[in-house]
Amino acid sequence: MPAVRDAVLKSLSLKIVDDMKKTDPKGKYKLRNNFIVELLVHLKQKNSFEEYYRFLTDFESFSKDWLHDRVIAHCKEQSGGKIKFTHLAKEILTEITDEAKKVVRDAVTQNISGNAKSFLDLFVEKLKTRITMSKDEMKIGLSLADSNAKKFAETVLPSIAEIEKLLLHEITGWNVETKIKDLSVKPNEELFKGLFCCTKKCPFCGAFCESETIEHAQHFSKQHRPEGLNSYRWIQTQHLAMEICTALVAGNATFQNRDTNQKWISYKDYQTVNDYYKSWIIQRDPSAEATSYWKKVFHTFNKEFADRYGAKPAEIGNAWDIGWDKVKEDLNKTYNTNIQSL
């Protein structure tokens, strides 16, 4: 029974991930843009500086925690009179036991020759992709020396049915949070990996690389954010910077940080800092501005960001106090989604 239980748990994570993807009409677990928009909507609804700060400075951890909450919620949904977690686990168990029963029936039908050990060798080999077990677990209290293969196989069949019955009962009592925590493969991490091929961040604003191929030498993002949201400020005034990376690399401004050993470097020459900066391709556009979403967030939490970074608030005017209806419209255009409300 332990081997069968382990086999169920081994397959459960990917089963949950697959089910979440198939049953999600918004496509947020399959398409990165839809996922990002879902997070932005979530942040707006929470309206919490701490949540925004964590999204901006620790996006991977923030995203995985959010996905974990969605996994738990999904597993607790009702499906056919029981929670989905139980339903999915029982589906896997039935698949495994059905395979095991077929191996036994085929062995009996084909009059397998040899002794019980011959059958056990066949059984373990046929099921090795689903169950990791030793032959000792299959002896079921019988003497291998005294049993021929066919007789032994006939004895195994009711034992499989008994194991299935016991595990079906056990699964019904599984605690969702505990079992999800104990899974060797975490559903939230699998979902995240499926959405993001790369977790490298822009050295200035912290935006994630948007490459859709696992193997790539150059990083890029189409959605750079105001650098002040990532602590950059103008040295002369100490005001947080409102500009985004694409505009700064097209202008005459300079920057310094730990990577430059506090030496001043022209934004235009940012790729000379080190190999990591060189790997980032930031398009040059002197007229580029932040999206309306981040303008609104910066305007709303300007003082909080300044306090957190030990700087002065950015010199933001009322033009950045954008209505959420306009923000929603812009998000739908930018990410090709269909947000109904914010």
Protein backbone atom coordinates (compact mmCIF):
# COMPACT_ATOMS: atom_id res chain seq x y z
CA MET A 1 0.00 0.00 0.00
CA PRO A 2 2.78 2.56 0.73
CA ALA A 3 4.07 2.23 -2.85
CA VAL A 4 0.62 2.88 -4.31
CA ARG A 5 0.05 5.84 -1.96
CA ASP A 6 3.42 7.31 -2.98
CA ALA A 7 2.53 6.82 -6.65
CA VAL A 8 -0.71 8.77 -6.16
CA LEU A 9 1.09 11.63 -4.43
CA LYS A 10 3.83 11.64 -7.06
CA SER A 11 1.28 12.23 -9.83
CA LEU A 12 -1.03 14.52 -7.88
CA SER A 13 0.86 17.79 -8.36
CA LEU A 14 0.88 17.66 -12.16
CA LYS A 15 -2.72 16.44 -12.13
CA ILE A 16 -3.71 19.55 -10.16
CA VAL A 17 -1.73 21.82 -12.49
CA ASP A 18 -3.32 20.27 -15.57
CA ASP A 19 -6.80 20.58 -14.08
CA MET A 20 -6.26 24.23 -13.15
CA LYS A 21 -5.13 25.03 -16.68
CA LYS A 22 -8.03 23.19 -18.30
CA THR A 23 -10.75 24.72 -16.12
CA ASP A 24 -9.52 28.35 -16.11
CA PRO A 25 -11.52 30.45 -18.61
CA LYS A 26 -9.20 33.45 -18.20
CA GLY A 27 -6.10 31.53 -19.24
CA LYS A 28 -4.10 32.97 -16.36
CA TYR A 29 -2.29 29.70 -15.70
CA LYS A 30 -1.23 29.21 -19.32
CA LEU A 31 -0.54 32.70 -20.67
CA ARG A 32 1.96 35.01 -19.01
CA ASN A 33 0.16 38.22 -20.01
CA ASN A 34 -3.11 36.97 -18.55
CA PHE A 35 -1.30 35.94 -15.37
CA ILE A 36 0.36 39.36 -14.99
CA VAL A 37 -2.96 41.13 -15.48
CA GLU A 38 -4.56 38.89 -12.86
CA LEU A 39 -1.87 39.92 -10.38
CA LEU A 40 -2.27 43.60 -11.23
CA VAL A 41 -6.02 43.36 -10.67
CA HIS A 42 -5.39 41.53 -7.39
CA LEU A 43 -3.01 44.28 -6.27
CA LYS A 44 -5.45 47.02 -7.13
CA GLN A 45 -8.20 45.30 -5.15
CA LYS A 46 -5.92 44.84 -2.15
CA ASN A 47 -4.76 48.47 -2.43
CA SER A 48 -1.84 47.72 -0.11
CA PHE A 49 1.57 49.38 -0.33
CA GLU A 50 3.24 46.31 1.18
CA GLU A 51 1.69 44.08 -1.49
CA TYR A 52 2.88 46.41 -4.27
CA TYR A 53 6.33 46.65 -2.73
CA ARG A 54 6.67 42.88 -2.57
CA PHE A 55 5.46 42.48 -6.16
CA LEU A 56 8.08 44.97 -7.34
CA THR A 57 11.02 43.75 -5.27
CA ASP A 58 10.35 40.02 -4.89
CA PHE A 59 8.15 39.12 -7.82
CA GLU A 60 8.95 35.40 -7.92
CA SER A 61 8.15 34.79 -4.26
CA PHE A 62 5.04 36.99 -4.47
CA SER A 63 3.80 35.11 -7.55
CA LYS A 64 4.42 31.67 -6.08
CA ASP A 65 2.59 32.58 -2.88
CA TRP A 66 -0.35 33.90 -4.90
CA LEU A 67 -0.37 30.71 -6.99
CA HIS A 68 -0.21 28.60 -3.84
CA ASP A 69 -3.37 30.29 -2.55
CA ARG A 70 -5.06 29.62 -5.90
CA VAL A 71 -3.99 25.96 -5.78
CA ILE A 72 -5.52 25.53 -2.31
CA ALA A 73 -8.72 27.28 -3.38
CA HIS A 74 -8.96 25.15 -6.53
CA CYS A 75 -8.43 21.92 -4.61
CA LYS A 76 -11.19 22.84 -2.15
CA GLU A 77 -13.78 23.45 -4.87
CA GLN A 78 -16.67 21.01 -4.91
CA SER A 79 -16.74 18.47 -7.74
CA GLY A 80 -19.29 15.66 -7.92
CA GLY A 81 -20.19 15.89 -4.25
CA LYS A 82 -16.59 15.95 -3.01
CA ILE A 83 -13.77 18.44 -3.03
CA LYS A 84 -11.70 18.53 -6.20
CA PHE A 85 -8.54 17.48 -4.35
CA THR A 86 -10.19 14.19 -3.35
CA HIS A 87 -11.65 13.74 -6.82
CA LEU A 88 -8.27 14.16 -8.54
CA ALA A 89 -6.44 11.87 -6.09
CA LYS A 90 -9.05 9.16 -6.55
CA GLU A 91 -8.79 9.51 -10.33
CA ILE A 92 -5.05 8.82 -10.12
CA LEU A 93 -5.57 5.88 -7.77
CA THR A 94 -8.12 4.34 -10.12
CA GLU A 95 -5.78 4.78 -13.08
CA ILE A 96 -2.96 3.03 -11.21
CA THR A 97 -5.04 0.15 -9.87
CA ASP A 98 -6.71 -0.35 -13.26
CA GLU A 99 -3.26 -0.67 -14.83
CA ALA A 100 -2.20 -3.12 -12.13
CA LYS A 101 -5.36 -5.20 -12.59
CA LYS A 102 -4.80 -5.32 -16.34
CA VAL A 103 -1.26 -6.61 -15.89
CA VAL A 104 -2.56 -9.37 -13.60
CA ARG A 105 -5.46 -10.32 -15.87
CA ASP A 106 -3.21 -10.42 -18.91
CA ALA A 107 -0.79 -12.69 -17.06
CA VAL A 108 -3.61 -15.06 -16.08
CA THR A 109 -5.20 -15.03 -19.55
CA GLN A 110 -1.90 -15.71 -21.26
CA ASN A 111 -1.09 -18.57 -18.84
CA ILE A 112 2.17 -17.05 -17.64
CA SER A 113 4.74 -19.75 -16.99
CA GLY A 114 7.30 -20.09 -14.23
CA ASN A 115 6.99 -19.47 -10.51
CA ALA A 116 5.68 -16.51 -8.51
CA LYS A 117 8.98 -14.68 -8.95
CA SER A 118 8.44 -14.72 -12.73
CA PHE A 119 5.13 -12.96 -12.27
CA LEU A 120 6.56 -10.42 -9.82
CA ASP A 121 9.34 -9.56 -12.25
CA LEU A 122 6.74 -8.97 -14.96
CA PHE A 123 4.44 -6.97 -12.66
CA VAL A 124 7.17 -4.63 -11.43
CA GLU A 125 8.51 -4.11 -14.96
CA LYS A 126 5.09 -3.29 -16.43
CA LEU A 127 4.26 -0.75 -13.72
CA LYS A 128 7.68 0.78 -13.15
CA THR A 129 6.69 4.12 -14.70
CA ARG A 130 3.81 4.50 -12.22
CA ILE A 131 4.88 2.67 -9.05
CA THR A 132 8.24 2.34 -7.37
CA MET A 133 8.15 -0.87 -5.35
CA SER A 134 10.23 -3.77 -4.21
CA LYS A 135 9.26 -7.34 -4.88
CA ASP A 136 9.00 -7.87 -1.12
CA GLU A 137 5.98 -5.55 -1.07
CA MET A 138 4.26 -7.84 -3.56
CA LYS A 139 4.73 -11.14 -1.78
CA ILE A 140 1.52 -10.66 0.20
CA GLY A 141 2.53 -13.25 2.77
CA LEU A 142 2.90 -16.08 0.25
CA SER A 143 5.87 -18.33 -0.31
CA LEU A 144 7.40 -17.68 -3.71
CA ALA A 145 8.82 -21.16 -3.83
CA ASP A 146 5.43 -22.82 -3.38
CA SER A 147 3.45 -20.81 -5.94
CA ASN A 148 3.43 -20.99 -9.70
CA ALA A 149 3.10 -17.77 -11.63
CA LYS A 150 -0.54 -18.12 -12.67
CA LYS A 151 -1.72 -19.17 -9.22
CA PHE A 152 0.13 -16.32 -7.60
CA ALA A 153 -1.28 -13.80 -10.10
CA GLU A 154 -4.83 -14.95 -9.33
CA THR A 155 -4.16 -14.33 -5.64
CA VAL A 156 -2.82 -10.82 -6.27
CA LEU A 157 -5.98 -9.54 -7.98
CA PRO A 158 -8.22 -9.36 -4.88
CA SER A 159 -5.33 -7.85 -2.94
CA ILE A 160 -5.17 -4.96 -5.43
CA ALA A 161 -8.90 -4.41 -4.97
CA GLU A 162 -8.46 -4.37 -1.20
CA ILE A 163 -5.61 -1.86 -1.40
CA GLU A 164 -7.74 0.32 -3.67
CA LYS A 165 -10.64 0.22 -1.22
CA LEU A 166 -8.44 1.14 1.74
CA LEU A 167 -6.72 4.00 -0.07
CA LEU A 168 -9.99 5.39 -1.42
CA HIS A 169 -11.18 5.66 2.16
CA GLU A 170 -7.88 7.18 3.30
CA ILE A 171 -7.85 9.78 0.51
CA THR A 172 -11.28 11.04 1.58
CA GLY A 173 -9.74 12.12 4.88
CA TRP A 174 -6.66 13.85 3.47
CA ASN A 175 -6.16 17.45 4.56
CA VAL A 176 -5.65 19.68 1.52
CA GLU A 177 -3.13 22.12 3.00
CA THR A 178 -1.06 19.39 4.66
CA LYS A 179 -0.87 17.16 1.61
CA ILE A 180 -0.10 20.03 -0.78
CA LYS A 181 2.73 21.10 1.53
CA ASP A 182 4.11 17.55 1.59
CA LEU A 183 4.11 17.02 -2.18
CA SER A 184 7.64 16.61 -3.53
CA VAL A 185 6.64 18.57 -6.64
CA LYS A 186 4.84 21.80 -5.69
CA PRO A 187 1.90 22.74 -7.95
CA ASN A 188 2.50 26.48 -7.57
CA GLU A 189 6.13 26.12 -8.63
CA GLU A 190 5.14 24.03 -11.65
CA LEU A 191 2.60 26.69 -12.66
CA PHE A 192 5.22 29.41 -12.29
CA LYS A 193 7.77 27.50 -14.37
CA GLY A 194 5.19 27.08 -17.09
CA LEU A 195 4.59 30.83 -17.21
CA PHE A 196 8.15 32.15 -16.92
CA CYS A 197 11.05 30.72 -18.87
CA CYS A 198 13.40 33.24 -17.30
CA THR A 199 13.53 34.95 -13.92
CA LYS A 200 16.28 37.47 -14.68
CA LYS A 201 15.37 41.04 -13.77
CA CYS A 202 16.12 44.35 -15.43
CA PRO A 203 19.08 45.84 -13.51
CA PHE A 204 17.28 49.18 -13.27
CA CYS A 205 13.54 48.74 -12.75
CA GLY A 206 13.44 45.05 -11.82
CA ALA A 207 11.03 43.97 -14.56
CA PHE A 208 11.24 40.25 -15.40
CA CYS A 209 12.73 39.07 -18.68
CA GLU A 210 9.97 38.24 -21.17
CA SER A 211 11.83 35.72 -23.28
CA GLU A 212 9.69 32.70 -24.15
CA THR A 213 12.60 30.33 -24.76
CA ILE A 214 14.47 28.59 -21.96
CA GLU A 215 17.85 28.88 -23.66
CA HIS A 216 18.62 32.51 -24.51
CA ALA A 217 21.64 34.75 -24.19
CA GLN A 218 19.83 38.10 -24.19
CA HIS A 219 17.11 39.39 -21.91
CA PHE A 220 14.41 41.95 -22.63
CA SER A 221 11.18 43.39 -21.31
CA LYS A 222 8.51 45.42 -23.05
CA GLN A 223 7.08 46.64 -19.76
CA HIS A 224 9.75 48.64 -17.95
CA ARG A 225 8.58 50.60 -14.91
CA PRO A 226 9.52 53.94 -13.34
CA GLU A 227 12.93 53.39 -11.77
CA GLY A 228 11.89 55.16 -8.58
CA LEU A 229 9.69 52.16 -7.79
CA ASN A 230 12.97 50.23 -7.49
CA SER A 231 14.68 52.85 -5.28
CA TYR A 232 16.47 54.92 -7.99
CA ARG A 233 16.52 58.62 -7.25
CA TRP A 234 18.12 61.76 -8.71
CA ILE A 235 21.30 62.34 -6.75
CA GLN A 236 21.06 66.14 -6.76
CA THR A 237 17.54 66.29 -5.34
CA GLN A 238 17.04 62.82 -3.84
CA HIS A 239 13.60 62.70 -5.46
CA LEU A 240 12.58 59.25 -6.69
CA ALA A 241 12.95 58.90 -10.47
CA MET A 242 9.78 58.88 -12.55
CA GLU A 243 11.50 57.93 -15.80
CA ILE A 244 11.54 54.41 -17.26
CA CYS A 245 14.58 52.55 -18.56
CA THR A 246 13.76 52.85 -22.27
CA ALA A 247 13.77 56.65 -22.06
CA LEU A 248 16.84 56.88 -19.84
CA VAL A 249 19.06 54.73 -22.10
CA ALA A 250 18.13 57.06 -24.97
CA GLY A 251 19.10 60.22 -23.08
CA ASN A 252 22.15 61.79 -21.48
CA ALA A 253 21.57 60.82 -17.85
CA THR A 254 24.10 58.87 -15.80
CA PHE A 255 23.74 56.36 -12.99
CA GLN A 256 25.79 54.74 -10.23
CA ASN A 257 25.22 51.72 -8.01
CA ARG A 258 27.08 48.80 -6.42
CA ASP A 259 27.54 47.17 -9.81
CA THR A 260 29.48 50.21 -11.06
CA ASN A 261 31.45 50.48 -7.79
CA GLN A 262 29.66 53.81 -7.35
CA LYS A 263 31.26 55.18 -10.52
CA TRP A 264 29.08 57.28 -12.79
CA ILE A 265 28.15 55.56 -16.05
CA SER A 266 26.12 56.95 -18.91
CA TYR A 267 22.80 55.14 -19.32
CA LYS A 268 23.67 54.93 -23.01
CA ASP A 269 26.68 52.81 -22.04
CA TYR A 270 24.89 50.63 -19.49
CA GLN A 271 25.99 47.44 -21.27
CA THR A 272 29.63 48.19 -20.42
CA VAL A 273 29.06 47.68 -16.67
CA ASN A 274 29.37 43.88 -16.72
CA ASP A 275 28.18 40.80 -18.59
CA TYR A 276 24.79 40.84 -16.89
CA TYR A 277 24.06 44.41 -18.01
CA LYS A 278 25.37 43.48 -21.45
CA SER A 279 22.85 40.63 -21.65
CA TRP A 280 19.95 43.06 -21.30
CA ILE A 281 18.57 44.62 -24.49
CA ILE A 282 16.72 47.79 -23.50
CA GLN A 283 15.11 49.53 -26.45
CA ARG A 284 15.97 53.21 -26.74
CA ASP A 285 12.95 55.50 -26.88
CA PRO A 286 13.34 59.07 -25.56
CA SER A 287 9.57 59.60 -25.56
CA ALA A 288 8.69 56.43 -23.63
CA GLU A 289 6.66 56.83 -20.45
CA ALA A 290 5.41 54.53 -17.75
CA THR A 291 2.11 52.74 -18.27
CA SER A 292 -0.97 54.34 -16.74
CA TYR A 293 -1.16 51.53 -14.17
CA TRP A 294 2.25 52.27 -12.67
CA LYS A 295 1.70 56.00 -12.93
CA LYS A 296 -1.43 55.58 -10.81
CA VAL A 297 0.32 53.31 -8.30
CA PHE A 298 3.31 55.67 -8.02
CA HIS A 299 1.01 58.64 -7.52
CA THR A 300 -1.01 56.78 -4.86
CA PHE A 301 1.94 55.47 -2.83
CA ASN A 302 4.60 58.06 -3.64
CA LYS A 303 5.28 58.94 -0.01
CA GLU A 304 5.35 55.29 1.09
CA PHE A 305 7.91 54.37 -1.58
CA ALA A 306 10.04 57.39 -0.65
CA ASP A 307 9.96 56.50 3.03
CA ARG A 308 10.82 52.86 2.31
CA TYR A 309 13.81 53.82 0.16
CA GLY A 310 15.01 56.72 2.30
CA ALA A 311 14.44 59.22 -0.50
CA LYS A 312 12.18 62.17 -1.24
CA PRO A 313 8.87 61.58 -3.03
CA ALA A 314 8.95 61.83 -6.80
CA GLU A 315 7.78 65.16 -8.21
CA ILE A 316 4.56 63.71 -9.56
CA GLY A 317 1.81 66.00 -10.76
CA ASN A 318 -1.92 65.40 -10.91
CA ALA A 319 -1.56 64.09 -14.46
CA TRP A 320 -0.53 60.76 -12.93
CA ASP A 321 -3.70 60.59 -10.82
CA ILE A 322 -5.35 58.57 -13.57
CA GLY A 323 -8.87 57.15 -13.23
CA TRP A 324 -9.09 53.37 -12.89
CA ASP A 325 -11.41 53.14 -15.89
CA LYS A 326 -8.66 54.58 -18.06
CA VAL A 327 -6.12 52.25 -16.45
CA LYS A 328 -8.37 49.27 -17.18
CA GLU A 329 -8.71 50.32 -20.81
CA ASP A 330 -4.94 50.67 -21.17
CA LEU A 331 -4.28 47.31 -19.53
CA ASN A 332 -6.64 45.59 -21.94
CA LYS A 333 -4.81 47.18 -24.87
CA THR A 334 -1.33 46.49 -23.55
CA TYR A 335 -1.92 42.86 -22.60
CA ASN A 336 -4.67 42.02 -25.10
CA THR A 337 -7.04 40.97 -22.34
CA ASN A 338 -10.62 41.75 -21.42
CA ILE A 339 -10.74 43.03 -17.84
CA GLN A 340 -14.33 43.90 -16.96
CA SER A 341 -13.60 45.86 -13.80
CA LEU A 342 -10.79 46.93 -11.50
